[in-house]
N, C-alpha and C. Protein backbone atom coordinates (compact mmCIF):
# COMPACT_ATOMS: atom_id res chain seq x y z
N UNK A 1 10.06 -15.35 -66.57
CA UNK A 1 9.20 -14.93 -65.84
C UNK A 1 7.94 -13.90 -65.82
N UNK A 2 6.75 -13.73 -65.83
CA UNK A 2 5.94 -12.66 -65.88
C UNK A 2 5.60 -11.77 -64.95
N UNK A 3 5.37 -10.37 -64.81
CA UNK A 3 5.41 -10.05 -63.86
C UNK A 3 3.79 -10.06 -63.02
N UNK A 4 4.27 -9.81 -62.27
CA UNK A 4 2.16 -9.98 -61.16
C UNK A 4 2.00 -11.37 -61.27
N UNK A 5 2.76 -13.03 -61.18
CA UNK A 5 2.66 -14.15 -61.04
C UNK A 5 3.88 -14.83 -59.99
N UNK A 6 3.65 -15.19 -59.10
CA UNK A 6 4.90 -15.37 -58.23
C UNK A 6 5.33 -16.86 -58.67
N UNK A 7 6.68 -16.48 -58.46
CA UNK A 7 7.22 -18.27 -59.35
C UNK A 7 7.24 -18.84 -57.84
N UNK A 8 7.41 -20.13 -58.44
CA UNK A 8 6.98 -21.36 -57.49
C UNK A 8 8.26 -21.41 -56.37
N UNK A 9 9.68 -20.80 -56.60
CA UNK A 9 10.76 -20.12 -55.84
C UNK A 9 9.79 -19.48 -54.26
N UNK A 10 8.99 -18.35 -55.47
CA UNK A 10 8.93 -17.65 -54.39
C UNK A 10 7.96 -17.73 -52.98
N UNK A 11 6.68 -18.50 -53.53
CA UNK A 11 5.56 -19.04 -52.85
C UNK A 11 6.27 -20.02 -52.18
N UNK A 12 7.68 -20.92 -52.49
CA UNK A 12 8.25 -21.75 -51.92
C UNK A 12 8.52 -20.76 -50.30
N UNK A 13 9.15 -20.04 -50.30
CA UNK A 13 10.09 -19.23 -49.65
C UNK A 13 9.24 -18.54 -48.79
N UNK A 14 8.36 -17.97 -48.99
CA UNK A 14 7.00 -17.38 -48.14
C UNK A 14 6.41 -18.48 -47.25
N UNK A 15 6.03 -19.97 -47.73
CA UNK A 15 5.62 -20.65 -47.09
C UNK A 15 6.72 -21.20 -45.87
N UNK A 16 8.11 -21.19 -45.99
CA UNK A 16 8.82 -21.55 -45.61
C UNK A 16 9.10 -20.84 -44.30
N UNK A 17 8.51 -19.26 -44.54
CA UNK A 17 9.21 -17.87 -43.32
C UNK A 17 7.87 -17.36 -42.60
N UNK A 18 6.72 -18.17 -42.97
CA UNK A 18 5.31 -17.92 -42.16
C UNK A 18 5.42 -18.81 -40.93
N UNK A 19 5.99 -19.94 -40.54
CA UNK A 19 6.07 -20.25 -39.42
C UNK A 19 6.72 -19.17 -38.30
N UNK A 20 7.98 -18.86 -39.02
CA UNK A 20 8.79 -18.50 -37.97
C UNK A 20 8.20 -17.11 -37.68
N UNK A 21 7.68 -16.44 -37.82
CA UNK A 21 6.48 -15.12 -37.87
C UNK A 21 5.82 -15.57 -37.00
N UNK A 22 5.17 -16.71 -36.47
CA UNK A 22 4.27 -17.29 -35.29
C UNK A 22 5.01 -17.98 -34.46
N UNK A 23 6.16 -17.90 -34.09
CA UNK A 23 6.82 -18.78 -33.47
C UNK A 23 7.55 -17.39 -32.04
N UNK A 24 7.30 -17.85 -31.19
CA UNK A 24 7.44 -16.43 -30.09
C UNK A 24 7.51 -17.60 -28.51
N UNK A 25 8.97 -16.88 -27.81
CA UNK A 25 8.52 -17.72 -26.51
C UNK A 25 7.67 -17.59 -25.69
N UNK A 26 7.04 -18.66 -24.97
CA UNK A 26 6.09 -18.42 -23.96
C UNK A 26 6.54 -19.21 -22.79
N UNK A 27 6.48 -18.26 -21.59
CA UNK A 27 6.53 -18.66 -20.22
C UNK A 27 5.65 -18.69 -19.57
N UNK A 28 4.23 -19.03 -19.52
CA UNK A 28 3.31 -18.98 -18.43
C UNK A 28 3.30 -18.91 -17.08
N UNK A 29 4.52 -19.48 -16.44
CA UNK A 29 5.07 -19.92 -15.19
C UNK A 29 4.79 -18.42 -14.05
N UNK A 30 5.41 -17.50 -14.62
CA UNK A 30 5.58 -16.11 -14.02
C UNK A 30 4.02 -14.96 -14.70
N UNK A 31 3.07 -14.51 -14.21
CA UNK A 31 2.54 -13.65 -14.93
C UNK A 31 3.57 -12.45 -14.85
N UNK A 32 2.43 -11.82 -16.23
CA UNK A 32 3.65 -10.54 -16.87
C UNK A 32 3.25 -9.19 -15.74
N UNK A 33 4.43 -8.51 -15.90
CA UNK A 33 4.25 -7.04 -15.11
C UNK A 33 4.92 -6.76 -15.77
N UNK A 34 4.27 -4.99 -16.12
CA UNK A 34 4.35 -4.07 -16.83
C UNK A 34 4.46 -3.19 -16.17
N UNK A 35 5.42 -2.09 -15.55
CA UNK A 35 5.51 -0.81 -14.76
C UNK A 35 5.61 0.20 -15.79
N UNK A 36 4.40 1.18 -15.60
CA UNK A 36 4.17 2.61 -16.29
C UNK A 36 4.06 3.31 -15.54
N UNK A 37 4.39 4.61 -15.22
CA UNK A 37 4.56 5.78 -14.93
C UNK A 37 3.90 5.42 -13.21
N UNK A 38 4.72 4.51 -12.69
CA UNK A 38 4.60 3.95 -10.85
C UNK A 38 3.33 3.07 -11.04
N UNK A 39 3.02 2.79 -11.78
CA UNK A 39 1.23 1.44 -11.38
C UNK A 39 1.78 0.10 -12.24
N UNK A 40 1.18 -0.99 -11.08
CA UNK A 40 1.73 -2.03 -11.50
C UNK A 40 0.95 -2.29 -11.68
N UNK A 41 1.35 -3.50 -13.25
CA UNK A 41 -0.05 -3.96 -14.34
C UNK A 41 0.60 -5.47 -14.10
N UNK A 42 -0.35 -6.57 -14.15
CA UNK A 42 -0.22 -7.75 -13.97
C UNK A 42 0.39 -7.87 -12.80
N UNK A 43 0.34 -7.69 -11.92
CA UNK A 43 0.93 -8.63 -10.51
C UNK A 43 0.15 -9.55 -10.16
N UNK A 44 0.22 -10.05 -8.74
CA UNK A 44 -0.54 -11.36 -8.32
C UNK A 44 -1.97 -10.56 -7.83
N UNK A 45 -2.84 -11.31 -8.48
CA UNK A 45 -4.27 -10.41 -7.50
C UNK A 45 -4.65 -10.69 -6.05
N UNK A 46 -3.82 -11.43 -5.70
CA UNK A 46 -3.80 -11.58 -4.49
C UNK A 46 -2.96 -10.51 -3.63
N UNK A 47 -1.92 -10.05 -4.32
CA UNK A 47 -1.58 -8.63 -3.66
C UNK A 47 -2.45 -7.48 -3.75
N UNK A 48 -2.91 -7.59 -4.85
CA UNK A 48 -3.83 -6.59 -5.45
C UNK A 48 -4.98 -6.59 -4.34
N UNK A 49 -5.72 -7.34 -3.96
CA UNK A 49 -6.79 -7.09 -3.17
C UNK A 49 -5.93 -7.04 -1.33
N UNK A 50 -4.77 -7.60 -0.85
CA UNK A 50 -4.55 -7.46 -0.15
C UNK A 50 -4.13 -5.87 0.49
N UNK A 51 -3.44 -5.17 -1.04
CA UNK A 51 -3.39 -3.88 -0.66
C UNK A 51 -4.79 -3.07 -0.87
N UNK A 52 -5.36 -3.50 -1.47
CA UNK A 52 -7.02 -2.77 -1.29
C UNK A 52 -7.44 -2.80 -0.01
N UNK A 53 -7.26 -3.89 0.80
CA UNK A 53 -7.19 -3.85 2.28
C UNK A 53 -7.03 -3.17 3.43
N UNK A 54 -5.51 -2.71 3.16
CA UNK A 54 -4.37 -2.02 3.75
C UNK A 54 -5.40 -0.49 3.34
N UNK A 55 -5.80 -0.06 2.30
CA UNK A 55 -5.72 1.09 1.33
C UNK A 55 -7.33 1.01 2.07
N UNK A 56 -8.21 0.29 2.82
CA UNK A 56 -9.82 0.39 3.48
C UNK A 56 -9.36 0.86 4.85
N UNK A 57 -7.97 0.06 5.03
CA UNK A 57 -7.92 0.40 7.06
C UNK A 57 -7.79 2.03 6.93
N UNK A 58 -6.76 2.44 5.68
CA UNK A 58 -5.82 3.46 5.87
C UNK A 58 -6.94 5.09 5.59
N UNK A 59 -8.29 4.69 4.99
CA UNK A 59 -9.33 4.99 4.73
C UNK A 59 -9.52 5.58 6.01
N UNK A 60 -10.31 4.27 6.57
CA UNK A 60 -10.73 4.62 7.99
C UNK A 60 -10.01 5.19 8.85
N UNK A 61 -8.83 5.10 9.10
CA UNK A 61 -7.91 6.36 9.66
C UNK A 61 -7.93 7.55 9.15
N UNK A 62 -8.12 7.92 7.91
CA UNK A 62 -8.50 9.44 7.77
C UNK A 62 -10.17 9.60 8.31
N UNK A 63 -10.85 8.98 8.02
CA UNK A 63 -12.02 9.42 8.06
C UNK A 63 -12.28 9.52 9.74
N UNK A 64 -11.64 8.89 10.65
CA UNK A 64 -11.16 8.89 12.30
C UNK A 64 -10.82 10.22 12.63
N UNK A 65 -9.63 10.85 11.75
CA UNK A 65 -9.13 12.09 11.81
C UNK A 65 -9.40 13.07 11.90
N UNK A 66 -10.45 13.13 10.64
CA UNK A 66 -11.10 13.87 10.29
C UNK A 66 -12.39 14.13 11.57
N UNK A 67 -13.12 13.40 12.37
CA UNK A 67 -14.07 13.48 13.18
C UNK A 67 -13.50 14.08 14.38
N UNK A 68 -12.17 13.86 14.26
CA UNK A 68 -11.11 13.70 15.77
C UNK A 68 -11.02 15.63 15.73
N UNK A 69 -10.79 15.84 14.28
CA UNK A 69 -10.43 17.63 14.16
C UNK A 69 -11.26 17.96 14.52
N UNK A 70 -12.67 17.63 13.64
CA UNK A 70 -13.98 18.52 14.43
C UNK A 70 -14.48 18.77 15.53
N UNK A 71 -13.91 17.56 16.18
CA UNK A 71 -14.88 17.78 17.72
C UNK A 71 -13.20 18.14 18.64
N UNK A 72 -12.08 18.34 18.19
CA UNK A 72 -11.77 19.49 18.57
C UNK A 72 -11.99 21.01 18.45
N UNK A 73 -12.03 21.55 16.99
CA UNK A 73 -12.57 22.67 17.07
C UNK A 73 -14.01 22.76 17.69
N UNK A 74 -14.93 21.83 18.07
CA UNK A 74 -16.08 21.86 18.65
C UNK A 74 -16.07 22.80 20.28
N UNK A 75 -14.45 21.89 20.64
CA UNK A 75 -14.58 22.29 21.95
C UNK A 75 -13.60 23.58 22.49
N UNK A 76 -13.43 24.23 21.15
CA UNK A 76 -12.95 25.16 21.47
C UNK A 76 -13.58 26.33 22.40
N UNK A 77 -14.80 26.41 22.29
CA UNK A 77 -15.62 27.75 23.01
C UNK A 77 -16.30 26.97 23.88
N UNK A 78 -16.11 25.45 24.37
CA UNK A 78 -16.82 24.60 25.61
C UNK A 78 -15.97 24.84 26.50
N UNK A 79 -16.46 24.10 27.53
CA UNK A 79 -15.95 23.72 28.93
C UNK A 79 -15.44 22.51 28.64
N UNK A 80 -13.88 22.41 28.31
CA UNK A 80 -13.49 21.08 28.19
C UNK A 80 -13.73 19.88 29.60
N UNK A 81 -13.00 20.72 30.44
CA UNK A 81 -13.13 19.73 31.59
C UNK A 81 -14.44 19.19 32.15
N UNK A 82 -15.76 20.34 31.98
CA UNK A 82 -17.00 19.50 32.05
C UNK A 82 -17.18 18.42 31.09
N UNK A 83 -16.68 18.41 29.61
CA UNK A 83 -17.03 17.37 28.58
C UNK A 83 -16.31 16.12 28.96
N UNK A 84 -15.09 16.21 29.64
CA UNK A 84 -13.97 14.91 29.94
C UNK A 84 -14.85 14.45 30.90
N UNK A 85 -14.76 15.13 32.33
CA UNK A 85 -15.41 14.78 33.72
C UNK A 85 -16.81 13.53 33.10
N UNK A 86 -18.06 14.44 31.67
CA UNK A 86 -18.86 13.74 31.59
C UNK A 86 -18.89 12.76 31.04
N UNK A 87 -17.61 12.87 30.14
CA UNK A 87 -18.01 11.67 28.67
C UNK A 87 -16.95 10.22 29.64
N UNK A 88 -16.59 10.52 31.00
CA UNK A 88 -16.12 9.47 31.97
C UNK A 88 -17.38 8.79 32.77
N UNK A 89 -18.24 10.01 32.76
CA UNK A 89 -19.13 9.30 33.63
C UNK A 89 -20.35 8.25 32.94
N UNK A 90 -20.49 8.74 31.34
CA UNK A 90 -21.26 8.27 30.50
C UNK A 90 -20.32 6.72 29.97
N UNK A 91 -19.73 6.88 29.84
CA UNK A 91 -18.70 5.27 30.01
C UNK A 91 -18.19 4.62 30.61
N UNK A 92 -19.12 5.35 32.55
CA UNK A 92 -19.30 4.36 33.22
C UNK A 92 -17.39 3.96 33.77
N UNK A 93 -16.31 5.25 33.76
CA UNK A 93 -15.16 4.77 33.65
C UNK A 93 -15.07 5.87 35.11
N UNK A 94 -13.68 5.13 36.16
CA UNK A 94 -13.86 5.37 37.83
C UNK A 94 -13.19 6.82 37.00
N UNK A 95 -13.25 8.18 37.30
CA UNK A 95 -12.18 9.05 37.72
C UNK A 95 -10.65 8.80 38.69
N UNK A 96 -10.91 8.20 39.24
CA UNK A 96 -9.47 7.85 40.26
C UNK A 96 -8.48 6.83 39.59
N UNK A 97 -8.69 6.55 38.01
CA UNK A 97 -7.70 5.78 37.45
C UNK A 97 -6.89 6.24 36.72
N UNK A 98 -5.60 6.12 36.81
CA UNK A 98 -4.56 6.85 36.60
C UNK A 98 -4.60 7.50 34.82
N UNK A 99 -5.40 6.96 33.72
CA UNK A 99 -5.82 7.47 33.05
C UNK A 99 -6.59 8.29 32.77
N UNK A 100 -7.82 8.60 33.69
CA UNK A 100 -8.50 8.45 33.86
C UNK A 100 -8.11 10.26 34.46
N UNK A 101 -6.48 10.78 35.17
CA UNK A 101 -6.67 11.59 35.76
C UNK A 101 -5.76 12.36 35.00
N UNK A 102 -4.90 11.50 34.33
CA UNK A 102 -4.40 12.11 32.77
C UNK A 102 -5.02 12.96 32.18
N UNK A 103 -6.73 11.72 31.58
CA UNK A 103 -7.08 12.98 30.89
C UNK A 103 -7.83 14.17 31.31
N UNK A 104 -8.28 13.81 32.67
CA UNK A 104 -9.06 15.48 33.25
C UNK A 104 -7.92 16.24 33.46
N UNK A 105 -6.87 16.02 34.02
CA UNK A 105 -5.57 17.10 33.71
C UNK A 105 -5.32 17.88 32.44
N UNK A 106 -5.81 16.75 31.05
CA UNK A 106 -5.26 17.55 30.13
C UNK A 106 -6.63 18.63 29.63
N UNK A 107 -7.68 18.27 29.61
CA UNK A 107 -8.85 18.43 29.53
C UNK A 107 -8.82 20.10 30.76
N UNK A 108 -8.25 20.43 31.49
CA UNK A 108 -8.39 21.38 32.52
C UNK A 108 -6.98 21.81 32.05
N UNK A 109 -6.09 21.90 31.40
CA UNK A 109 -4.96 22.45 31.29
C UNK A 109 -5.14 23.33 29.90
N UNK A 110 -5.52 22.63 28.64
CA UNK A 110 -5.68 22.67 27.18
C UNK A 110 -6.29 24.00 27.14
N UNK A 111 -5.68 24.47 25.72
CA UNK A 111 -6.08 26.01 25.40
C UNK A 111 -6.57 25.98 24.48
N UNK A 112 -7.65 26.91 24.14
CA UNK A 112 -8.39 27.13 22.74
C UNK A 112 -6.99 26.81 21.78
N UNK A 113 -5.75 27.90 21.71
CA UNK A 113 -5.45 27.58 20.72
C UNK A 113 -4.47 26.04 20.32
N UNK A 114 -4.27 25.64 21.60
CA UNK A 114 -3.81 24.27 21.49
C UNK A 114 -4.87 23.58 20.87
N UNK A 115 -5.78 23.44 20.98
CA UNK A 115 -7.04 22.77 20.14
C UNK A 115 -7.33 23.59 19.37
N UNK A 116 -7.24 23.92 18.55
CA UNK A 116 -7.06 24.70 17.36
C UNK A 116 -5.83 23.90 16.74
N UNK A 117 -4.29 23.86 17.28
CA UNK A 117 -3.25 23.24 16.52
C UNK A 117 -3.55 21.87 16.39
N UNK A 118 -4.20 21.10 17.26
CA UNK A 118 -4.07 19.63 17.65
C UNK A 118 -5.37 19.09 16.43
N UNK A 119 -6.13 19.84 16.09
CA UNK A 119 -6.91 19.86 15.18
C UNK A 119 -6.38 19.92 13.80
N UNK A 120 -5.32 20.75 13.36
CA UNK A 120 -4.75 21.04 12.15
C UNK A 120 -3.67 19.68 12.27
N UNK A 121 -3.19 19.64 13.23
CA UNK A 121 -2.59 17.81 13.22
C UNK A 121 -3.04 16.84 12.39
N UNK A 122 -4.56 16.76 13.54
CA UNK A 122 -5.37 15.78 12.87
C UNK A 122 -5.69 15.74 11.38
N UNK A 123 -5.66 16.80 10.87
CA UNK A 123 -6.24 17.21 9.05
C UNK A 123 -5.06 16.63 8.62
N UNK A 124 -4.07 17.00 9.01
CA UNK A 124 -2.78 16.78 8.17
C UNK A 124 -2.91 14.95 7.90
N UNK A 125 -2.91 15.06 9.29
CA UNK A 125 -2.84 13.13 9.55
C UNK A 125 -4.10 12.66 8.19
N UNK A 126 -5.00 13.12 8.49
CA UNK A 126 -6.17 12.30 7.73
C UNK A 126 -5.64 12.81 6.59
N UNK A 127 -5.32 13.71 5.96
CA UNK A 127 -4.70 14.05 4.23
C UNK A 127 -3.66 12.67 3.98
N UNK A 128 -2.80 12.39 4.79
CA UNK A 128 -1.44 11.96 4.42
C UNK A 128 -2.43 10.26 4.66
N UNK A 129 -2.99 9.93 5.25
CA UNK A 129 -3.92 8.63 5.35
C UNK A 129 -4.84 8.37 4.23
N UNK A 130 -5.34 9.32 3.62
CA UNK A 130 -6.58 9.55 2.53
C UNK A 130 -5.30 9.60 1.11
N UNK A 131 -4.18 10.42 1.06
CA UNK A 131 -3.05 9.87 -0.25
C UNK A 131 -2.76 8.12 0.02
N UNK A 132 -2.38 8.01 0.83
CA UNK A 132 -1.98 6.27 1.23
C UNK A 132 -2.82 5.68 0.60
N UNK A 133 -4.20 5.55 1.19
CA UNK A 133 -5.39 4.73 0.82
C UNK A 133 -5.20 4.67 -0.74
N UNK A 134 -5.42 6.22 -1.30
CA UNK A 134 -5.69 6.37 -2.79
C UNK A 134 -4.32 5.47 -3.28
N UNK A 135 -3.18 5.69 -3.10
CA UNK A 135 -2.03 5.12 -3.93
C UNK A 135 -2.23 3.40 -3.92
N UNK A 136 -2.15 2.77 -2.28
CA UNK A 136 -2.73 1.56 -2.75
C UNK A 136 -3.34 1.07 -2.94
N UNK A 137 -5.34 1.48 -3.49
CA UNK A 137 -5.55 1.37 -4.10
C UNK A 137 -5.48 1.14 -5.25
N UNK A 138 -5.24 2.14 -6.22
CA UNK A 138 -4.85 2.47 -7.38
C UNK A 138 -3.19 1.36 -7.89
N UNK A 139 -2.99 0.86 -6.50
CA UNK A 139 -1.39 -0.35 -7.03
C UNK A 139 -0.53 0.80 -7.62
N UNK A 140 -0.31 1.55 -7.00
CA UNK A 140 0.88 2.85 -7.25
C UNK A 140 2.14 2.63 -6.30
N UNK A 141 3.46 2.18 -6.96
CA UNK A 141 4.36 2.02 -6.41
C UNK A 141 4.54 3.34 -5.34
N UNK A 142 4.22 4.46 -5.70
CA UNK A 142 4.51 5.82 -4.68
C UNK A 142 3.53 5.41 -3.39
N UNK A 143 2.69 4.88 -3.67
CA UNK A 143 1.62 4.65 -2.54
C UNK A 143 2.63 3.24 -1.73
N UNK A 144 2.50 2.41 -1.74
CA UNK A 144 3.45 1.44 -1.20
C UNK A 144 4.28 2.05 -0.74
N UNK A 145 5.55 2.95 -1.38
CA UNK A 145 6.77 3.31 -0.18
C UNK A 145 5.77 4.18 0.83
N UNK A 146 5.22 4.94 0.53
CA UNK A 146 4.75 5.96 1.46
C UNK A 146 3.71 4.92 2.60
N UNK A 147 3.40 3.55 2.41
CA UNK A 147 2.96 2.80 3.27
C UNK A 147 3.92 2.65 4.21
N UNK A 148 5.30 1.87 3.72
CA UNK A 148 5.80 2.03 4.56
C UNK A 148 6.43 2.73 5.33
N UNK A 149 7.39 3.87 4.99
CA UNK A 149 7.70 5.16 5.68
C UNK A 149 6.93 5.84 6.79
N UNK A 150 5.84 5.62 6.08
CA UNK A 150 4.52 5.96 7.66
C UNK A 150 4.45 5.58 8.31
N UNK A 151 4.26 4.33 8.15
CA UNK A 151 4.40 3.16 8.84
C UNK A 151 5.32 3.62 10.65
N UNK A 152 6.23 3.28 9.49
CA UNK A 152 7.92 2.90 10.51
C UNK A 152 8.25 4.36 11.27
N UNK A 153 7.40 5.72 10.41
CA UNK A 153 7.49 6.90 11.40
C UNK A 153 6.88 7.10 13.20
N UNK A 154 6.42 5.69 12.98
CA UNK A 154 5.13 5.63 14.40
C UNK A 154 6.12 4.66 14.97
N UNK A 155 7.07 3.80 14.75
CA UNK A 155 7.31 2.58 15.27
C UNK A 155 7.97 3.27 16.77
N UNK A 156 9.42 3.99 16.27
CA UNK A 156 9.77 4.66 17.80
C UNK A 156 8.74 5.38 18.93
N UNK A 157 7.72 5.93 18.54
CA UNK A 157 6.76 6.50 19.15
C UNK A 157 6.05 5.08 20.03
N UNK A 158 5.90 4.64 19.38
CA UNK A 158 4.82 3.30 19.91
C UNK A 158 5.37 2.56 20.53
N UNK A 159 7.14 2.44 20.14
CA UNK A 159 8.01 1.44 21.50
C UNK A 159 8.02 2.16 22.48
N UNK A 160 8.63 3.67 22.54
CA UNK A 160 8.74 4.21 23.79
C UNK A 160 7.38 4.70 24.97
N UNK A 161 6.28 4.46 23.85
CA UNK A 161 5.24 4.26 25.02
C UNK A 161 4.76 3.46 25.16
N UNK A 162 5.37 2.03 24.77
CA UNK A 162 4.99 0.58 25.88
C UNK A 162 6.18 1.00 26.56
N UNK A 163 7.62 1.24 26.70
CA UNK A 163 8.53 1.46 27.59
C UNK A 163 8.11 1.95 28.77
N UNK A 164 7.21 3.37 28.62
CA UNK A 164 6.68 4.13 29.78
C UNK A 164 5.57 3.12 30.41
N UNK A 165 4.34 2.66 29.34
CA UNK A 165 3.47 1.84 30.21
C UNK A 165 2.78 0.70 29.38
N UNK A 166 2.72 -0.50 29.42
CA UNK A 166 2.43 -1.63 28.57
C UNK A 166 0.65 -1.63 29.15
N UNK A 167 0.13 -1.63 27.85
CA UNK A 167 -1.38 -1.78 28.09
C UNK A 167 -1.87 -2.20 26.79
N UNK A 168 -2.75 -3.09 26.66
CA UNK A 168 -3.23 -3.82 25.71
C UNK A 168 -3.39 -2.74 24.17
N UNK A 169 -4.18 -1.76 24.75
CA UNK A 169 -4.19 -1.33 23.24
C UNK A 169 -2.76 -0.64 22.43
N UNK A 170 -2.18 -0.59 23.37
CA UNK A 170 -0.52 0.33 22.87
C UNK A 170 -0.30 -1.47 22.42
N UNK A 171 -0.14 -2.49 22.67
CA UNK A 171 0.83 -3.34 22.45
C UNK A 171 -0.53 -3.69 21.01
N UNK A 172 -1.78 -3.37 20.64
CA UNK A 172 -2.22 -4.04 19.81
C UNK A 172 -2.31 -2.94 18.35
N UNK A 173 -2.20 -1.74 18.90
CA UNK A 173 -1.70 -0.69 18.03
C UNK A 173 -0.20 -1.38 17.59
N UNK A 174 0.66 -1.13 18.44
CA UNK A 174 1.89 -1.77 17.83
C UNK A 174 1.92 -2.95 16.67
N UNK A 175 1.38 -4.11 17.19
CA UNK A 175 1.09 -5.35 16.32
C UNK A 175 0.65 -5.15 14.87
N UNK A 176 -0.52 -3.72 15.24
CA UNK A 176 -1.52 -3.78 13.57
C UNK A 176 -0.40 -3.17 13.05
N UNK A 177 0.22 -2.50 12.86
CA UNK A 177 1.31 -0.98 12.43
C UNK A 177 2.20 -2.20 11.96
N UNK A 178 2.75 -3.22 13.15
CA UNK A 178 4.06 -4.00 12.20
C UNK A 178 3.27 -4.56 11.24
N UNK A 179 1.80 -5.42 11.07
CA UNK A 179 1.37 -6.32 10.71
C UNK A 179 0.99 -5.49 8.98
N UNK A 180 0.41 -4.58 9.16
CA UNK A 180 0.80 -3.50 7.68
C UNK A 180 1.86 -3.41 7.42
N UNK A 181 2.74 -2.70 7.56
CA UNK A 181 3.94 -2.16 7.12
C UNK A 181 4.52 -3.20 6.57
N UNK A 182 4.30 -4.57 7.07
CA UNK A 182 5.24 -5.77 7.10
C UNK A 182 4.74 -6.46 5.59
N UNK A 183 3.50 -6.09 5.56
CA UNK A 183 2.83 -6.67 3.90
C UNK A 183 2.95 -6.01 3.40
N UNK A 184 2.77 -4.85 3.01
CA UNK A 184 3.24 -3.56 1.92
C UNK A 184 4.75 -3.93 1.38
N UNK A 185 5.72 -4.25 2.63
CA UNK A 185 6.83 -4.27 2.68
C UNK A 185 7.11 -5.74 1.81
N UNK A 186 5.93 -6.55 2.22
CA UNK A 186 6.70 -7.94 1.34
C UNK A 186 6.48 -8.03 -0.09
N UNK A 187 5.28 -6.87 -0.38
CA UNK A 187 4.73 -7.11 -1.69
C UNK A 187 5.62 -6.30 -2.56
N UNK A 188 5.97 -5.12 -1.73
CA UNK A 188 6.79 -4.34 -2.99
C UNK A 188 8.22 -5.35 -2.96
N UNK A 189 8.79 -5.83 -2.53
CA UNK A 189 9.89 -6.76 -2.35
C UNK A 189 9.73 -8.17 -3.19
N UNK A 190 8.14 -7.96 -3.29
CA UNK A 190 7.83 -9.66 -4.25
C UNK A 190 7.88 -9.37 -5.41
N UNK A 191 7.14 -7.76 -6.17
CA UNK A 191 6.91 -6.94 -6.94
C UNK A 191 8.76 -6.86 -7.72
N UNK A 192 9.30 -5.98 -6.54
CA UNK A 192 10.93 -6.03 -7.51
C UNK A 192 11.85 -7.31 -7.93
N UNK A 193 11.23 -8.23 -7.34
CA UNK A 193 12.15 -9.62 -7.08
C UNK A 193 11.46 -10.33 -8.70
N UNK A 194 10.10 -9.98 -8.53
CA UNK A 194 9.56 -10.68 -10.20
C UNK A 194 9.85 -9.51 -11.33
N UNK A 195 10.31 -7.98 -11.12
CA UNK A 195 10.83 -7.88 -12.15
C UNK A 195 12.09 -8.20 -12.44
N UNK A 196 13.09 -8.13 -11.06
CA UNK A 196 14.56 -8.60 -11.36
C UNK A 196 14.32 -9.88 -12.64
N UNK A 197 13.54 -11.02 -12.01
CA UNK A 197 13.37 -12.37 -12.64
C UNK A 197 13.21 -12.36 -14.34
N UNK A 198 12.31 -10.99 -14.36
CA UNK A 198 11.58 -11.08 -16.33
C UNK A 198 12.89 -10.29 -17.10
N UNK A 199 12.91 -9.54 -16.55
CA UNK A 199 14.54 -9.31 -16.85
C UNK A 199 15.44 -10.10 -17.17
N UNK A 200 15.95 -10.83 -16.51
CA UNK A 200 16.70 -12.22 -16.53
C UNK A 200 16.47 -13.43 -17.11
N UNK A 201 14.89 -13.04 -17.48
CA UNK A 201 14.49 -14.11 -17.97
C UNK A 201 14.90 -13.58 -19.85
N UNK A 202 14.40 -12.43 -19.82
CA UNK A 202 14.37 -11.70 -20.77
C UNK A 202 15.84 -11.49 -21.90
N UNK A 203 16.73 -11.72 -21.08
CA UNK A 203 18.13 -11.85 -21.30
C UNK A 203 18.57 -12.96 -21.67
N UNK A 204 17.98 -13.89 -21.44
CA UNK A 204 18.24 -15.51 -21.47
C UNK A 204 17.26 -15.44 -22.96
N UNK A 205 16.45 -14.99 -22.83
CA UNK A 205 15.64 -15.16 -24.73
C UNK A 205 16.14 -14.73 -25.74
N UNK A 206 16.92 -13.59 -25.07
CA UNK A 206 17.84 -12.86 -26.35
C UNK A 206 18.96 -13.40 -26.50
N UNK A 207 19.41 -13.98 -25.85
CA UNK A 207 20.61 -14.98 -25.93
C UNK A 207 20.45 -16.17 -27.03
N UNK A 208 19.50 -16.91 -26.53
CA UNK A 208 18.31 -18.33 -27.06
C UNK A 208 17.51 -18.02 -27.68
N UNK A 209 17.26 -16.73 -28.94
CA UNK A 209 16.00 -16.68 -29.33
C UNK A 209 15.00 -17.64 -29.87
N UNK A 210 15.52 -18.85 -30.11
CA UNK A 210 14.80 -19.93 -31.03
C UNK A 210 14.60 -21.10 -30.37
N UNK A 211 14.66 -21.03 -28.46
CA UNK A 211 14.19 -22.22 -27.56
C UNK A 211 14.07 -21.94 -26.70
N UNK A 212 13.00 -22.38 -25.89
CA UNK A 212 13.08 -21.92 -24.04
C UNK A 212 13.25 -22.06 -23.49
N UNK A 213 13.70 -21.51 -22.31
CA UNK A 213 14.80 -21.87 -21.02
C UNK A 213 14.90 -23.50 -21.06
N UNK A 214 13.69 -24.31 -21.28
CA UNK A 214 13.80 -25.87 -21.12
C UNK A 214 14.24 -26.03 -22.25
N UNK A 215 14.60 -25.67 -23.32
CA UNK A 215 15.01 -26.52 -24.52
C UNK A 215 14.25 -26.56 -25.49
N UNK A 216 12.72 -26.65 -25.34
CA UNK A 216 11.74 -27.19 -26.45
C UNK A 216 10.96 -25.63 -27.01
N UNK A 217 10.53 -26.41 -27.59
CA UNK A 217 10.32 -24.87 -28.90
C UNK A 217 8.83 -24.94 -28.32
N UNK A 218 8.14 -23.87 -28.57
CA UNK A 218 6.57 -23.38 -28.33
C UNK A 218 5.95 -22.45 -29.04
N UNK A 219 5.12 -23.05 -29.67
CA UNK A 219 4.41 -21.75 -30.84
C UNK A 219 3.17 -21.33 -30.40
N UNK A 220 3.12 -20.14 -30.39
CA UNK A 220 2.05 -19.37 -30.27
C UNK A 220 1.11 -19.43 -31.04
N UNK A 221 -0.65 -18.98 -31.04
CA UNK A 221 -1.39 -19.36 -32.19
C UNK A 221 -2.01 -19.95 -32.47
């Protein structure tokens, strides 16, 4: 045998081993999911759209909270009772109604310090909402957990408010909160299930490296 000239045996061996480099297991029934630094990649596109819808709602909550905080800070140097009375008159709300009386009593008793505290709480609330919106929009896992836990925190207060007085607004707030928390929890649970299925499938592939789960060969490329 001369150097530099492949023999018939080596060429035959090379031709026989090439197909095995191209053989790989292909299972397109479930989209691949890769978790890297808390980011979901390759998840169900419908979930991504849904999470971004929830993120938009949370972003609007943050904007509303900032507007409330600004309004409270402005009211520190105003006659709050006169403004409250003018607001009810502008909205054509009877001041003799129960909630109108509660509103006027609060406006009459609130102090500048209390308004500052309420404005600070509103700003903190908006910061949480913006953080949650960012996490959900970017499909971060921590954003989903934050949305679930922050939504669950309000449930006891909303249920207690309904027990004290049942109104359409309170029922609507409870239903919307439950819907948002339930959807994000469903997405998180489905991603956990998908990840476990992927791990189980990889274990099966390692135990049977030359065949797909249904026993048929599959070639890529």
